[in-house]
Amino acid sequence: MFLYIFGFLLDSTEDDSLKFEMKIDPSLNDEIVARLGHASLNAMAEGDWPLTNEQVTMLSSITGRQLPTDLKLLIGVVA
């Protein structure tokens, strides 16, 4: 299983297509799960979780990749 960040336009009433997607290196799973306050990767697999601006900044730092701040980002687990 791995974590996956994806995003849509903030106002998706006109365009609900996927605008961003990123697979996260599985070696970062434990740190990200803990920093987001989840009990485990399995617990996160229950759904997709919206990310706050602060979480986006934190994830950018952990992954070493600048995540877009002009999209509605979510994080989920892919098997």
C-alpha atoms as a PDB file:
ATOM      1  CA  MET A   1       0.000   0.000   0.000  1.00  0.00           C
ATOM      2  CA  PHE A   2       1.122   3.530  -0.611  1.00  0.00           C
ATOM      3  CA  LEU A   3      -0.086   7.050   0.054  1.00  0.00           C
ATOM      4  CA  TYR A   4      -1.396   9.084  -2.833  1.00  0.00           C
ATOM      5  CA  ILE A   5      -2.034  12.843  -2.941  1.00  0.00           C
ATOM      6  CA  PHE A   6      -4.457  14.166  -5.503  1.00  0.00           C
ATOM      7  CA  GLY A   7      -6.159  17.462  -6.176  1.00  0.00           C
ATOM      8  CA  PHE A   8      -9.007  19.258  -7.846  1.00  0.00           C
ATOM      9  CA  LEU A   9      -9.813  22.884  -8.588  1.00  0.00           C
ATOM     10  CA  LEU A  10     -11.010  24.783  -5.520  1.00  0.00           C
ATOM     11  CA  ASP A  11     -14.270  25.620  -7.286  1.00  0.00           C
ATOM     12  CA  SER A  12     -14.981  22.356  -9.048  1.00  0.00           C
ATOM     13  CA  THR A  13     -18.551  23.137 -10.096  1.00  0.00           C
ATOM     14  CA  GLU A  14     -17.468  23.630 -13.711  1.00  0.00           C
ATOM     15  CA  ASP A  15     -14.538  21.214 -13.911  1.00  0.00           C
ATOM     16  CA  ASP A  16     -14.296  18.239 -11.581  1.00  0.00           C
ATOM     17  CA  SER A  17     -11.400  16.545 -13.372  1.00  0.00           C
ATOM     18  CA  LEU A  18      -8.258  15.520 -11.530  1.00  0.00           C
ATOM     19  CA  LYS A  19      -5.633  18.299 -11.696  1.00  0.00           C
ATOM     20  CA  PHE A  20      -2.814  16.831  -9.594  1.00  0.00           C
ATOM     21  CA  GLU A  21      -1.672  13.390  -8.515  1.00  0.00           C
ATOM     22  CA  MET A  22       1.425  12.138  -6.746  1.00  0.00           C
ATOM     23  CA  LYS A  23       2.408   8.736  -5.418  1.00  0.00           C
ATOM     24  CA  ILE A  24       4.380   9.067  -2.179  1.00  0.00           C
ATOM     25  CA  ASP A  25       7.501   6.987  -1.622  1.00  0.00           C
ATOM     26  CA  PRO A  26       6.431   4.147   0.726  1.00  0.00           C
ATOM     27  CA  SER A  27       9.492   4.791   2.910  1.00  0.00           C
ATOM     28  CA  LEU A  28       7.737   8.013   4.030  1.00  0.00           C
ATOM     29  CA  ASN A  29       4.449   6.307   4.982  1.00  0.00           C
ATOM     30  CA  ASP A  30       5.088   5.944   8.717  1.00  0.00           C
ATOM     31  CA  GLU A  31       6.237   9.543   9.172  1.00  0.00           C
ATOM     32  CA  ILE A  32       3.347  10.986   7.191  1.00  0.00           C
ATOM     33  CA  VAL A  33       0.711   8.816   8.882  1.00  0.00           C
ATOM     34  CA  ALA A  34       2.016   9.869  12.308  1.00  0.00           C
ATOM     35  CA  ARG A  35       2.306  13.567  11.427  1.00  0.00           C
ATOM     36  CA  LEU A  36      -1.263  13.589  10.094  1.00  0.00           C
ATOM     37  CA  GLY A  37      -2.450  12.070  13.373  1.00  0.00           C
ATOM     38  CA  HIS A  38      -3.710   8.743  12.078  1.00  0.00           C
ATOM     39  CA  ALA A  39      -3.240   5.488  13.983  1.00  0.00           C
ATOM     40  CA  SER A  40      -1.962   3.506  11.000  1.00  0.00           C
ATOM     41  CA  LEU A  41      -1.858   3.244   7.229  1.00  0.00           C
ATOM     42  CA  ASN A  42      -4.749   0.769   7.461  1.00  0.00           C
ATOM     43  CA  ALA A  43      -6.798   3.334   9.398  1.00  0.00           C
ATOM     44  CA  MET A  44      -6.131   5.911   6.686  1.00  0.00           C
ATOM     45  CA  ALA A  45      -7.381   3.435   4.066  1.00  0.00           C
ATOM     46  CA  GLU A  46     -10.936   4.018   5.294  1.00  0.00           C
ATOM     47  CA  GLY A  47     -11.289   7.008   2.981  1.00  0.00           C
ATOM     48  CA  ASP A  48      -9.718  10.031   1.350  1.00  0.00           C
ATOM     49  CA  TRP A  49      -8.703  12.830   3.689  1.00  0.00           C
ATOM     50  CA  PRO A  50      -8.776  16.553   2.821  1.00  0.00           C
ATOM     51  CA  LEU A  51      -5.540  18.385   3.569  1.00  0.00           C
ATOM     52  CA  THR A  52      -5.277  21.772   5.252  1.00  0.00           C
ATOM     53  CA  ASN A  53      -2.816  24.398   4.012  1.00  0.00           C
ATOM     54  CA  GLU A  54      -0.585  23.613   7.000  1.00  0.00           C
ATOM     55  CA  GLN A  55      -0.602  19.904   6.150  1.00  0.00           C
ATOM     56  CA  VAL A  56       0.224  20.667   2.515  1.00  0.00           C
ATOM     57  CA  THR A  57       3.237  22.708   3.657  1.00  0.00           C
ATOM     58  CA  MET A  58       4.336  19.896   5.986  1.00  0.00           C
ATOM     59  CA  LEU A  59       3.964  17.267   3.253  1.00  0.00           C
ATOM     60  CA  SER A  60       5.948  19.437   0.830  1.00  0.00           C
ATOM     61  CA  SER A  61       8.766  19.480   3.360  1.00  0.00           C
ATOM     62  CA  ILE A  62       8.648  15.725   4.010  1.00  0.00           C
ATOM     63  CA  THR A  63       8.467  14.720   0.339  1.00  0.00           C
ATOM     64  CA  GLY A  64      10.875  17.350  -0.936  1.00  0.00           C
ATOM     65  CA  ARG A  65       8.364  18.338  -3.589  1.00  0.00           C
ATOM     66  CA  GLN A  66       6.399  21.583  -3.674  1.00  0.00           C
ATOM     67  CA  LEU A  67       2.719  20.699  -3.603  1.00  0.00           C
ATOM     68  CA  PRO A  68       0.224  23.046  -5.241  1.00  0.00           C
ATOM     69  CA  THR A  69      -1.556  25.427  -2.902  1.00  0.00           C
ATOM     70  CA  ASP A  70      -4.165  26.536  -5.425  1.00  0.00           C
ATOM     71  CA  LEU A  71      -5.988  23.179  -5.468  1.00  0.00           C
ATOM     72  CA  LYS A  72      -8.178  21.229  -3.071  1.00  0.00           C
ATOM     73  CA  LEU A  73      -5.783  18.410  -2.100  1.00  0.00           C
ATOM     74  CA  LEU A  74      -6.660  15.085  -0.541  1.00  0.00           C
ATOM     75  CA  ILE A  75      -4.587  12.134   0.612  1.00  0.00           C
ATOM     76  CA  GLY A  76      -5.580   8.501   0.437  1.00  0.00           C
ATOM     77  CA  VAL A  77      -4.204   4.981   0.430  1.00  0.00           C
ATOM     78  CA  VAL A  78      -3.889   2.854  -2.685  1.00  0.00           C
ATOM     79  CA  ALA A  79      -3.427  -0.899  -2.401  1.00  0.00           C
END
